[in-house]
């Protein structure tokens, strides 16, 4: 099976390494120091105290890699407009695009959402370019429950977690999603099938839509964010807005914010990915994580004053620093 990893960061490298070990023909779209490292050392992974290396094809030009059976899209949302201008050579009519990304994806309301089904979200796909370049019928959604980090370009460290939840946007348990789950399990991942991948996306978002931007604003790790009584209350208010939006969409979250806070606190002094991006001078994922929630609030007629305040503050801070 020909597999291309588009987004050779920590999660992309971790998934690509597993698929290469499972016998797939893996290639990677990469640039700069990452491309140099892949060509010199292969794709390296530190897991369970051992380092392995997998030889992979790599190029900055997707056209050099050709049509794939599977494209694993692991880029941050701000990179998508550039990706869709280059991804076409990788896609044949039967290519599956596995979107292993945080936040609300452009296809979120395809085959889902009741009366809102088919609605394009302007916050994440303002021109419709994403939907045109990567049609929803070629997409399988993926929610990653794992922590990986980059020790250096092309060298991934797996920290904890091993789960990749898969689902068709329509919720159908198609033959292709079952085949993909079997492949990922052969590669050593847990790959359960979801009957409603949008619910899994929303539940993960329910935690990181607050922790990420607040950490970017303050420079604080998650334990300090939740350790401040006023900030914790602000976080809970945002989560209750998102919970109400989900309910209108048919996504029911049984937990209360305090239940999720207890889980987050178990991570200790955790530095979010958005805080890491701010420190590295990279663009932040505010649209997929927060602006999309605000837009879905408008579409479902749920008031979102706390979400709006977070979005306004985080967006202003990012603009001041040239990160949005």
C-alpha atoms as a PDB file:
ATOM      1  CA  UNK A   1       0.000   0.000   0.000  1.00  0.00           C
ATOM      2  CA  UNK A   2       1.347   3.397  -0.989  1.00  0.00           C
ATOM      3  CA  UNK A   3       1.048   5.834   1.916  1.00  0.00           C
ATOM      4  CA  UNK A   4       2.101   9.486   2.003  1.00  0.00           C
ATOM      5  CA  UNK A   5       2.495  11.431   5.236  1.00  0.00           C
ATOM      6  CA  UNK A   6       1.689  15.097   4.611  1.00  0.00           C
ATOM      7  CA  UNK A   7       2.945  16.950   7.668  1.00  0.00           C
ATOM      8  CA  UNK A   8       6.152  15.392   8.972  1.00  0.00           C
ATOM      9  CA  UNK A   9       5.820  16.586  12.555  1.00  0.00           C
ATOM     10  CA  UNK A  10       5.543  14.483  15.685  1.00  0.00           C
ATOM     11  CA  UNK A  11       2.186  12.786  15.030  1.00  0.00           C
ATOM     12  CA  UNK A  12       2.817  12.349  11.303  1.00  0.00           C
ATOM     13  CA  UNK A  13       6.219  10.830  11.951  1.00  0.00           C
ATOM     14  CA  UNK A  14       4.805   8.467  14.576  1.00  0.00           C
ATOM     15  CA  UNK A  15       2.029   7.222  12.276  1.00  0.00           C
ATOM     16  CA  UNK A  16       4.364   6.980   9.278  1.00  0.00           C
ATOM     17  CA  UNK A  17       6.914   4.964  11.222  1.00  0.00           C
ATOM     18  CA  UNK A  18       4.278   2.445  12.280  1.00  0.00           C
ATOM     19  CA  UNK A  19       2.913   2.060   8.762  1.00  0.00           C
ATOM     20  CA  UNK A  20       6.428   1.580   7.371  1.00  0.00           C
ATOM     21  CA  UNK A  21       7.073  -1.173   9.922  1.00  0.00           C
ATOM     22  CA  UNK A  22       3.806  -2.810   8.807  1.00  0.00           C
ATOM     23  CA  UNK A  23       5.149  -3.098   5.268  1.00  0.00           C
ATOM     24  CA  UNK A  24       3.577  -0.053   3.594  1.00  0.00           C
ATOM     25  CA  UNK A  25       5.520   1.910   1.005  1.00  0.00           C
ATOM     26  CA  UNK A  26       5.729   5.186   2.937  1.00  0.00           C
ATOM     27  CA  UNK A  27       6.659   8.584   1.547  1.00  0.00           C
ATOM     28  CA  UNK A  28       6.747  11.960   3.264  1.00  0.00           C
ATOM     29  CA  UNK A  29       6.174  15.499   2.023  1.00  0.00           C
ATOM     30  CA  UNK A  30       8.706  17.630   3.888  1.00  0.00           C
ATOM     31  CA  UNK A  31      10.857  20.726   3.514  1.00  0.00           C
ATOM     32  CA  UNK A  32      14.034  22.256   4.885  1.00  0.00           C
ATOM     33  CA  UNK A  33      15.778  20.608   7.816  1.00  0.00           C
ATOM     34  CA  UNK A  34      13.135  17.871   8.081  1.00  0.00           C
ATOM     35  CA  UNK A  35      13.640  16.863   4.438  1.00  0.00           C
ATOM     36  CA  UNK A  36      17.417  16.832   4.925  1.00  0.00           C
ATOM     37  CA  UNK A  37      17.103  14.660   8.036  1.00  0.00           C
ATOM     38  CA  UNK A  38      14.740  12.178   6.371  1.00  0.00           C
ATOM     39  CA  UNK A  39      17.040  11.783   3.382  1.00  0.00           C
ATOM     40  CA  UNK A  40      20.089  11.336   5.611  1.00  0.00           C
ATOM     41  CA  UNK A  41      18.721   9.194   8.460  1.00  0.00           C
ATOM     42  CA  UNK A  42      15.276   7.964   7.424  1.00  0.00           C
ATOM     43  CA  UNK A  43      12.241   8.425   9.644  1.00  0.00           C
ATOM     44  CA  UNK A  44      13.401   7.914  13.233  1.00  0.00           C
ATOM     45  CA  UNK A  45      11.222   7.077  16.216  1.00  0.00           C
ATOM     46  CA  UNK A  46      12.077   6.729  19.904  1.00  0.00           C
ATOM     47  CA  UNK A  47       9.495   4.484  21.551  1.00  0.00           C
ATOM     48  CA  UNK A  48       9.709   2.407  24.737  1.00  0.00           C
ATOM     49  CA  UNK A  49      13.307   3.543  25.182  1.00  0.00           C
ATOM     50  CA  UNK A  50      14.452   2.249  21.784  1.00  0.00           C
ATOM     51  CA  UNK A  51      15.183   4.136  18.563  1.00  0.00           C
ATOM     52  CA  UNK A  52      14.226   2.712  15.176  1.00  0.00           C
ATOM     53  CA  UNK A  53      14.704   4.099  11.691  1.00  0.00           C
ATOM     54  CA  UNK A  54      12.582   3.481   8.612  1.00  0.00           C
ATOM     55  CA  UNK A  55      13.726   4.280   5.094  1.00  0.00           C
ATOM     56  CA  UNK A  56      11.091   6.455   3.402  1.00  0.00           C
ATOM     57  CA  UNK A  57      10.848   8.371   0.155  1.00  0.00           C
ATOM     58  CA  UNK A  58      10.738  12.107   0.799  1.00  0.00           C
ATOM     59  CA  UNK A  59      10.313  15.236  -1.278  1.00  0.00           C
ATOM     60  CA  UNK A  60       9.173  18.832  -1.017  1.00  0.00           C
ATOM     61  CA  UNK A  61       7.238  18.307  -4.274  1.00  0.00           C
ATOM     62  CA  UNK A  62       4.192  15.980  -4.062  1.00  0.00           C
ATOM     63  CA  UNK A  63       4.333  15.506  -7.839  1.00  0.00           C
ATOM     64  CA  UNK A  64       7.566  13.530  -7.362  1.00  0.00           C
ATOM     65  CA  UNK A  65       5.777  11.025  -5.115  1.00  0.00           C
ATOM     66  CA  UNK A  66       2.771  10.284  -7.332  1.00  0.00           C
ATOM     67  CA  UNK A  67      -0.728   8.973  -6.657  1.00  0.00           C
ATOM     68  CA  UNK A  68      -1.167   7.286  -3.269  1.00  0.00           C
ATOM     69  CA  UNK A  69      -3.582   4.763  -1.793  1.00  0.00           C
ATOM     70  CA  UNK A  70      -3.628   6.692   1.482  1.00  0.00           C
ATOM     71  CA  UNK A  71      -2.626  10.255   2.374  1.00  0.00           C
ATOM     72  CA  UNK A  72      -2.302  10.928   6.101  1.00  0.00           C
ATOM     73  CA  UNK A  73      -2.852  14.643   6.642  1.00  0.00           C
ATOM     74  CA  UNK A  74      -1.207  15.727   9.913  1.00  0.00           C
ATOM     75  CA  UNK A  75      -0.491  19.409   9.272  1.00  0.00           C
ATOM     76  CA  UNK A  76      -1.702  22.225  11.526  1.00  0.00           C
ATOM     77  CA  UNK A  77      -4.853  23.906  10.220  1.00  0.00           C
ATOM     78  CA  UNK A  78      -3.120  27.208   9.223  1.00  0.00           C
ATOM     79  CA  UNK A  79      -1.019  25.229   6.729  1.00  0.00           C
ATOM     80  CA  UNK A  80      -4.022  23.806   4.850  1.00  0.00           C
ATOM     81  CA  UNK A  81      -4.393  26.611   2.279  1.00  0.00           C
ATOM     82  CA  UNK A  82      -0.828  25.913   1.107  1.00  0.00           C
ATOM     83  CA  UNK A  83      -1.358  22.143   1.220  1.00  0.00           C
ATOM     84  CA  UNK A  84      -4.418  22.167  -1.024  1.00  0.00           C
ATOM     85  CA  UNK A  85      -2.490  24.009  -3.719  1.00  0.00           C
ATOM     86  CA  UNK A  86       0.016  21.133  -3.871  1.00  0.00           C
ATOM     87  CA  UNK A  87      -1.840  17.958  -2.880  1.00  0.00           C
ATOM     88  CA  UNK A  88      -3.508  17.111  -6.223  1.00  0.00           C
ATOM     89  CA  UNK A  89      -0.668  14.885  -7.591  1.00  0.00           C
ATOM     90  CA  UNK A  90      -1.099  12.562  -4.593  1.00  0.00           C
ATOM     91  CA  UNK A  91      -4.831  12.017  -5.117  1.00  0.00           C
ATOM     92  CA  UNK A  92      -6.401   9.495  -7.440  1.00  0.00           C
ATOM     93  CA  UNK A  93     -10.139   8.761  -7.551  1.00  0.00           C
ATOM     94  CA  UNK A  94      -9.821   6.053  -4.861  1.00  0.00           C
ATOM     95  CA  UNK A  95      -7.231   7.712  -2.611  1.00  0.00           C
ATOM     96  CA  UNK A  96      -8.265   7.927   1.038  1.00  0.00           C
ATOM     97  CA  UNK A  97      -7.317  11.109   2.894  1.00  0.00           C
ATOM     98  CA  UNK A  98      -7.039  10.465   6.629  1.00  0.00           C
ATOM     99  CA  UNK A  99      -7.315  13.773   8.495  1.00  0.00           C
ATOM    100  CA  UNK A 100      -5.426  13.380  11.780  1.00  0.00           C
ATOM    101  CA  UNK A 101      -5.698  16.986  12.920  1.00  0.00           C
ATOM    102  CA  UNK A 102      -6.944  18.980  15.899  1.00  0.00           C
ATOM    103  CA  UNK A 103     -10.035  21.135  15.851  1.00  0.00           C
ATOM    104  CA  UNK A 104     -13.106  21.297  13.621  1.00  0.00           C
ATOM    105  CA  UNK A 105     -12.284  20.114  10.072  1.00  0.00           C
ATOM    106  CA  UNK A 106     -13.674  21.641   6.899  1.00  0.00           C
ATOM    107  CA  UNK A 107     -15.828  18.524   6.292  1.00  0.00           C
ATOM    108  CA  UNK A 108     -17.428  18.541   9.780  1.00  0.00           C
ATOM    109  CA  UNK A 109     -20.999  19.092   8.526  1.00  0.00           C
ATOM    110  CA  UNK A 110     -20.762  16.728   5.549  1.00  0.00           C
ATOM    111  CA  UNK A 111     -23.192  13.861   6.141  1.00  0.00           C
ATOM    112  CA  UNK A 112     -23.888  15.190   9.629  1.00  0.00           C
ATOM    113  CA  UNK A 113     -25.632  17.997  11.464  1.00  0.00           C
ATOM    114  CA  UNK A 114     -29.348  17.533  10.731  1.00  0.00           C
ATOM    115  CA  UNK A 115     -30.679  20.643   8.996  1.00  0.00           C
ATOM    116  CA  UNK A 116     -27.124  22.045   8.881  1.00  0.00           C
ATOM    117  CA  UNK A 117     -25.759  19.041   6.952  1.00  0.00           C
ATOM    118  CA  UNK A 118     -23.752  20.185   3.932  1.00  0.00           C
ATOM    119  CA  UNK A 119     -23.090  23.667   5.347  1.00  0.00           C
ATOM    120  CA  UNK A 120     -19.608  25.037   4.640  1.00  0.00           C
ATOM    121  CA  UNK A 121     -17.900  26.513   7.677  1.00  0.00           C
ATOM    122  CA  UNK A 122     -16.493  29.900   6.696  1.00  0.00           C
ATOM    123  CA  UNK A 123     -14.178  29.926   9.706  1.00  0.00           C
ATOM    124  CA  UNK A 124     -12.155  26.968   8.421  1.00  0.00           C
ATOM    125  CA  UNK A 125     -12.847  26.999   4.655  1.00  0.00           C
ATOM    126  CA  UNK A 126     -13.761  30.595   3.742  1.00  0.00           C
ATOM    127  CA  UNK A 127     -13.439  30.170  -0.039  1.00  0.00           C
ATOM    128  CA  UNK A 128     -14.434  26.517  -0.354  1.00  0.00           C
ATOM    129  CA  UNK A 129     -10.934  25.681  -1.605  1.00  0.00           C
ATOM    130  CA  UNK A 130     -10.418  22.857   0.914  1.00  0.00           C
ATOM    131  CA  UNK A 131     -13.664  21.098   0.014  1.00  0.00           C
ATOM    132  CA  UNK A 132     -12.867  21.443  -3.681  1.00  0.00           C
ATOM    133  CA  UNK A 133      -9.304  20.122  -3.393  1.00  0.00           C
ATOM    134  CA  UNK A 134     -10.129  17.255  -0.981  1.00  0.00           C
ATOM    135  CA  UNK A 135     -13.730  16.114  -1.538  1.00  0.00           C
ATOM    136  CA  UNK A 136     -15.534  14.821   1.547  1.00  0.00           C
ATOM    137  CA  UNK A 137     -16.163  11.457  -0.109  1.00  0.00           C
ATOM    138  CA  UNK A 138     -12.400  10.799  -0.041  1.00  0.00           C
ATOM    139  CA  UNK A 139     -12.032  11.729   3.631  1.00  0.00           C
ATOM    140  CA  UNK A 140     -11.900   9.467   6.666  1.00  0.00           C
ATOM    141  CA  UNK A 141     -11.754  11.330   9.966  1.00  0.00           C
ATOM    142  CA  UNK A 142      -9.241  10.487  12.664  1.00  0.00           C
ATOM    143  CA  UNK A 143      -8.997  11.640  16.275  1.00  0.00           C
ATOM    144  CA  UNK A 144      -5.550  11.134  17.781  1.00  0.00           C
ATOM    145  CA  UNK A 145      -5.225  10.223  21.445  1.00  0.00           C
ATOM    146  CA  UNK A 146      -1.464  10.145  21.846  1.00  0.00           C
ATOM    147  CA  UNK A 147       1.378  12.438  22.852  1.00  0.00           C
ATOM    148  CA  UNK A 148       4.459  12.693  20.651  1.00  0.00           C
ATOM    149  CA  UNK A 149       7.174  15.315  20.381  1.00  0.00           C
ATOM    150  CA  UNK A 150      10.074  16.164  18.092  1.00  0.00           C
ATOM    151  CA  UNK A 151      13.564  15.892  19.582  1.00  0.00           C
ATOM    152  CA  UNK A 152      14.906  17.333  16.327  1.00  0.00           C
ATOM    153  CA  UNK A 153      13.731  17.387  12.683  1.00  0.00           C
ATOM    154  CA  UNK A 154      12.877  13.856  11.589  1.00  0.00           C
ATOM    155  CA  UNK A 155      13.334  12.380  15.093  1.00  0.00           C
ATOM    156  CA  UNK A 156      10.023  11.661  16.855  1.00  0.00           C
ATOM    157  CA  UNK A 157       9.640  10.715  20.499  1.00  0.00           C
ATOM    158  CA  UNK A 158       6.478   8.828  21.465  1.00  0.00           C
ATOM    159  CA  UNK A 159       5.461   9.822  24.992  1.00  0.00           C
ATOM    160  CA  UNK A 160       2.165   8.096  25.737  1.00  0.00           C
ATOM    161  CA  UNK A 161      -1.123   7.033  24.157  1.00  0.00           C
ATOM    162  CA  UNK A 162      -1.664   4.797  21.146  1.00  0.00           C
ATOM    163  CA  UNK A 163      -5.210   5.397  19.936  1.00  0.00           C
ATOM    164  CA  UNK A 164      -6.397   6.548  16.499  1.00  0.00           C
ATOM    165  CA  UNK A 165     -10.217   6.718  16.388  1.00  0.00           C
ATOM    166  CA  UNK A 166     -11.489   6.385  12.802  1.00  0.00           C
ATOM    167  CA  UNK A 167     -14.801   7.242  11.195  1.00  0.00           C
ATOM    168  CA  UNK A 168     -16.474   8.089   7.916  1.00  0.00           C
ATOM    169  CA  UNK A 169     -18.030  11.584   7.934  1.00  0.00           C
ATOM    170  CA  UNK A 170     -21.387   9.896   7.254  1.00  0.00           C
ATOM    171  CA  UNK A 171     -20.971   7.446  10.153  1.00  0.00           C
ATOM    172  CA  UNK A 172     -21.126   4.466   7.781  1.00  0.00           C
ATOM    173  CA  UNK A 173     -18.959   1.453   8.691  1.00  0.00           C
ATOM    174  CA  UNK A 174     -17.721   1.143   5.133  1.00  0.00           C
ATOM    175  CA  UNK A 175     -15.459  -1.568   3.808  1.00  0.00           C
ATOM    176  CA  UNK A 176     -12.655   0.962   3.291  1.00  0.00           C
ATOM    177  CA  UNK A 177     -12.716   2.274   6.881  1.00  0.00           C
ATOM    178  CA  UNK A 178     -12.683  -1.295   8.190  1.00  0.00           C
ATOM    179  CA  UNK A 179      -9.692  -2.114   5.956  1.00  0.00           C
ATOM    180  CA  UNK A 180      -7.886   0.995   7.167  1.00  0.00           C
ATOM    181  CA  UNK A 181      -8.564   0.122  10.809  1.00  0.00           C
ATOM    182  CA  UNK A 182      -7.148  -3.366  10.217  1.00  0.00           C
ATOM    183  CA  UNK A 183      -4.020  -1.882   8.611  1.00  0.00           C
ATOM    184  CA  UNK A 184      -3.449   0.515  11.513  1.00  0.00           C
ATOM    185  CA  UNK A 185      -3.916  -2.294  14.031  1.00  0.00           C
ATOM    186  CA  UNK A 186      -1.361  -4.360  12.108  1.00  0.00           C
ATOM    187  CA  UNK A 187       0.948  -1.332  12.425  1.00  0.00           C
ATOM    188  CA  UNK A 188       0.581  -1.460  16.225  1.00  0.00           C
ATOM    189  CA  UNK A 189      -2.051   1.227  16.830  1.00  0.00           C
ATOM    190  CA  UNK A 190      -5.398   0.947  18.582  1.00  0.00           C
ATOM    191  CA  UNK A 191      -7.858   1.867  15.832  1.00  0.00           C
ATOM    192  CA  UNK A 192     -11.477   1.694  17.032  1.00  0.00           C
ATOM    193  CA  UNK A 193     -14.261   2.653  14.635  1.00  0.00           C
ATOM    194  CA  UNK A 194     -16.605   5.471  15.580  1.00  0.00           C
ATOM    195  CA  UNK A 195     -20.269   5.596  14.609  1.00  0.00           C
ATOM    196  CA  UNK A 196     -20.088   9.398  14.772  1.00  0.00           C
ATOM    197  CA  UNK A 197     -16.556  10.718  14.316  1.00  0.00           C
ATOM    198  CA  UNK A 198     -17.841  14.274  14.748  1.00  0.00           C
ATOM    199  CA  UNK A 199     -18.694  13.425  18.364  1.00  0.00           C
ATOM    200  CA  UNK A 200     -15.128  12.224  18.989  1.00  0.00           C
ATOM    201  CA  UNK A 201     -13.756  15.374  17.352  1.00  0.00           C
ATOM    202  CA  UNK A 202     -16.031  17.575  19.485  1.00  0.00           C
ATOM    203  CA  UNK A 203     -15.206  15.763  22.719  1.00  0.00           C
ATOM    204  CA  UNK A 204     -11.458  16.203  22.182  1.00  0.00           C
ATOM    205  CA  UNK A 205     -12.053  19.841  21.190  1.00  0.00           C
ATOM    206  CA  UNK A 206     -14.070  20.346  24.376  1.00  0.00           C
ATOM    207  CA  UNK A 207     -10.815  20.292  26.326  1.00  0.00           C
ATOM    208  CA  UNK A 208      -8.229  21.768  23.999  1.00  0.00           C
ATOM    209  CA  UNK A 209     -10.273  24.708  22.650  1.00  0.00           C
ATOM    210  CA  UNK A 210      -9.636  26.409  26.013  1.00  0.00           C
ATOM    211  CA  UNK A 211      -6.287  25.115  27.241  1.00  0.00           C
ATOM    212  CA  UNK A 212      -4.508  25.890  23.970  1.00  0.00           C
ATOM    213  CA  UNK A 213      -5.401  29.576  23.491  1.00  0.00           C
ATOM    214  CA  UNK A 214      -5.242  30.427  27.207  1.00  0.00           C
ATOM    215  CA  UNK A 215      -1.764  28.909  27.419  1.00  0.00           C
ATOM    216  CA  UNK A 216      -0.768  30.883  24.320  1.00  0.00           C
ATOM    217  CA  UNK A 217      -2.053  34.082  25.927  1.00  0.00           C
ATOM    218  CA  UNK A 218      -0.472  33.548  29.321  1.00  0.00           C
ATOM    219  CA  UNK A 219       2.519  31.279  28.773  1.00  0.00           C
ATOM    220  CA  UNK A 220       1.117  29.001  31.488  1.00  0.00           C
ATOM    221  CA  UNK A 221       1.093  25.216  31.587  1.00  0.00           C
ATOM    222  CA  UNK A 222      -2.275  23.515  32.049  1.00  0.00           C
ATOM    223  CA  UNK A 223      -1.830  22.900  35.780  1.00  0.00           C
ATOM    224  CA  UNK A 224      -1.376  26.622  36.406  1.00  0.00           C
ATOM    225  CA  UNK A 225      -4.341  27.525  34.196  1.00  0.00           C
ATOM    226  CA  UNK A 226      -6.659  25.227  36.144  1.00  0.00           C
ATOM    227  CA  UNK A 227      -5.024  26.185  39.432  1.00  0.00           C
ATOM    228  CA  UNK A 228      -6.297  29.770  39.138  1.00  0.00           C
ATOM    229  CA  UNK A 229      -9.884  29.864  40.400  1.00  0.00           C
ATOM    230  CA  UNK A 230     -10.997  32.716  38.118  1.00  0.00           C
ATOM    231  CA  UNK A 231      -9.419  31.266  34.990  1.00  0.00           C
ATOM    232  CA  UNK A 232     -10.817  27.824  35.775  1.00  0.00           C
ATOM    233  CA  UNK A 233     -14.292  29.357  36.018  1.00  0.00           C
ATOM    234  CA  UNK A 234     -13.779  31.092  32.667  1.00  0.00           C
ATOM    235  CA  UNK A 235     -12.723  27.770  31.104  1.00  0.00           C
ATOM    236  CA  UNK A 236     -15.802  26.036  32.522  1.00  0.00           C
ATOM    237  CA  UNK A 237     -18.106  28.715  31.091  1.00  0.00           C
ATOM    238  CA  UNK A 238     -16.634  28.267  27.602  1.00  0.00           C
ATOM    239  CA  UNK A 239     -16.999  24.491  27.885  1.00  0.00           C
ATOM    240  CA  UNK A 240     -20.671  24.822  28.833  1.00  0.00           C
ATOM    241  CA  UNK A 241     -21.263  26.909  25.692  1.00  0.00           C
ATOM    242  CA  UNK A 242     -19.574  24.248  23.554  1.00  0.00           C
ATOM    243  CA  UNK A 243     -21.567  21.525  25.306  1.00  0.00           C
ATOM    244  CA  UNK A 244     -24.824  23.335  24.436  1.00  0.00           C
ATOM    245  CA  UNK A 245     -23.759  23.706  20.790  1.00  0.00           C
ATOM    246  CA  UNK A 246     -22.919  20.016  20.615  1.00  0.00           C
ATOM    247  CA  UNK A 247     -26.332  19.098  22.007  1.00  0.00           C
ATOM    248  CA  UNK A 248     -28.018  21.099  19.219  1.00  0.00           C
ATOM    249  CA  UNK A 249     -25.942  19.150  16.688  1.00  0.00           C
ATOM    250  CA  UNK A 250     -26.814  15.773  18.215  1.00  0.00           C
ATOM    251  CA  UNK A 251     -23.539  15.444  20.151  1.00  0.00           C
ATOM    252  CA  UNK A 252     -24.313  14.783  23.798  1.00  0.00           C
ATOM    253  CA  UNK A 253     -21.531  15.139  26.360  1.00  0.00           C
ATOM    254  CA  UNK A 254     -22.430  13.505  29.658  1.00  0.00           C
ATOM    255  CA  UNK A 255     -19.447  14.939  31.553  1.00  0.00           C
ATOM    256  CA  UNK A 256     -19.334  18.282  33.310  1.00  0.00           C
ATOM    257  CA  UNK A 257     -16.370  20.662  32.901  1.00  0.00           C
ATOM    258  CA  UNK A 258     -14.994  19.670  36.317  1.00  0.00           C
ATOM    259  CA  UNK A 259     -14.802  16.042  35.159  1.00  0.00           C
ATOM    260  CA  UNK A 260     -12.596  17.068  32.250  1.00  0.00           C
ATOM    261  CA  UNK A 261     -10.473  19.352  34.446  1.00  0.00           C
ATOM    262  CA  UNK A 262      -9.656  16.355  36.651  1.00  0.00           C
ATOM    263  CA  UNK A 263      -8.390  14.447  33.605  1.00  0.00           C
ATOM    264  CA  UNK A 264      -6.320  17.415  32.393  1.00  0.00           C
ATOM    265  CA  UNK A 265      -4.754  17.905  35.828  1.00  0.00           C
ATOM    266  CA  UNK A 266      -3.442  14.326  35.733  1.00  0.00           C
ATOM    267  CA  UNK A 267      -1.116  15.441  32.907  1.00  0.00           C
ATOM    268  CA  UNK A 268       0.765  17.660  35.345  1.00  0.00           C
ATOM    269  CA  UNK A 269       2.650  20.732  34.092  1.00  0.00           C
ATOM    270  CA  UNK A 270       1.643  20.108  30.475  1.00  0.00           C
ATOM    271  CA  UNK A 271       2.703  22.583  27.786  1.00  0.00           C
ATOM    272  CA  UNK A 272       0.078  22.740  25.035  1.00  0.00           C
ATOM    273  CA  UNK A 273       0.881  22.545  21.345  1.00  0.00           C
ATOM    274  CA  UNK A 274      -0.333  26.132  20.805  1.00  0.00           C
ATOM    275  CA  UNK A 275       2.005  27.470  23.474  1.00  0.00           C
ATOM    276  CA  UNK A 276       4.829  25.558  21.785  1.00  0.00           C
ATOM    277  CA  UNK A 277       3.835  27.142  18.459  1.00  0.00           C
ATOM    278  CA  UNK A 278       3.852  30.643  19.969  1.00  0.00           C
ATOM    279  CA  UNK A 279       7.294  30.062  21.466  1.00  0.00           C
ATOM    280  CA  UNK A 280       8.527  28.820  18.072  1.00  0.00           C
ATOM    281  CA  UNK A 281       7.004  31.779  16.194  1.00  0.00           C
ATOM    282  CA  UNK A 282       4.545  29.562  14.256  1.00  0.00           C
ATOM    283  CA  UNK A 283       0.987  30.409  13.197  1.00  0.00           C
ATOM    284  CA  UNK A 284      -1.688  29.340  15.701  1.00  0.00           C
ATOM    285  CA  UNK A 285      -4.754  27.140  15.082  1.00  0.00           C
ATOM    286  CA  UNK A 286      -7.355  29.562  16.412  1.00  0.00           C
ATOM    287  CA  UNK A 287      -9.829  29.178  13.569  1.00  0.00           C
ATOM    288  CA  UNK A 288     -10.170  25.387  13.829  1.00  0.00           C
ATOM    289  CA  UNK A 289     -10.184  25.386  17.633  1.00  0.00           C
ATOM    290  CA  UNK A 290     -12.202  28.482  18.579  1.00  0.00           C
ATOM    291  CA  UNK A 291     -13.596  30.451  15.612  1.00  0.00           C
ATOM    292  CA  UNK A 292     -15.352  27.331  14.323  1.00  0.00           C
ATOM    293  CA  UNK A 293     -17.077  26.914  17.696  1.00  0.00           C
ATOM    294  CA  UNK A 294     -18.249  30.531  17.567  1.00  0.00           C
ATOM    295  CA  UNK A 295     -19.609  29.969  14.027  1.00  0.00           C
ATOM    296  CA  UNK A 296     -21.386  26.759  15.021  1.00  0.00           C
ATOM    297  CA  UNK A 297     -22.890  28.686  17.932  1.00  0.00           C
ATOM    298  CA  UNK A 298     -24.322  31.183  15.469  1.00  0.00           C
ATOM    299  CA  UNK A 299     -25.628  28.391  13.230  1.00  0.00           C
ATOM    300  CA  UNK A 300     -27.300  26.589  16.151  1.00  0.00           C
ATOM    301  CA  UNK A 301     -28.466  29.832  17.837  1.00  0.00           C
ATOM    302  CA  UNK A 302     -26.456  29.263  21.013  1.00  0.00           C
ATOM    303  CA  UNK A 303     -25.030  32.426  22.561  1.00  0.00           C
ATOM    304  CA  UNK A 304     -21.245  32.252  23.047  1.00  0.00           C
ATOM    305  CA  UNK A 305     -20.096  35.347  24.993  1.00  0.00           C
ATOM    306  CA  UNK A 306     -17.273  33.519  26.797  1.00  0.00           C
ATOM    307  CA  UNK A 307     -16.042  31.801  23.618  1.00  0.00           C
ATOM    308  CA  UNK A 308     -16.168  35.172  21.838  1.00  0.00           C
ATOM    309  CA  UNK A 309     -14.061  36.792  24.568  1.00  0.00           C
ATOM    310  CA  UNK A 310     -11.441  34.042  24.359  1.00  0.00           C
ATOM    311  CA  UNK A 311     -11.329  34.236  20.556  1.00  0.00           C
ATOM    312  CA  UNK A 312     -11.003  38.023  20.569  1.00  0.00           C
ATOM    313  CA  UNK A 313      -8.180  38.088  23.103  1.00  0.00           C
ATOM    314  CA  UNK A 314      -6.244  35.170  21.616  1.00  0.00           C
ATOM    315  CA  UNK A 315      -6.650  36.462  18.062  1.00  0.00           C
ATOM    316  CA  UNK A 316      -5.474  39.953  19.041  1.00  0.00           C
ATOM    317  CA  UNK A 317      -2.421  38.547  20.812  1.00  0.00           C
ATOM    318  CA  UNK A 318      -1.587  36.346  17.814  1.00  0.00           C
ATOM    319  CA  UNK A 319      -1.977  39.266  15.375  1.00  0.00           C
ATOM    320  CA  UNK A 320       0.284  41.481  17.486  1.00  0.00           C
ATOM    321  CA  UNK A 321       2.986  38.803  17.246  1.00  0.00           C
ATOM    322  CA  UNK A 322       2.394  38.049  13.562  1.00  0.00           C
ATOM    323  CA  UNK A 323       1.067  34.545  14.257  1.00  0.00           C
ATOM    324  CA  UNK A 324      -2.433  34.810  12.795  1.00  0.00           C
END
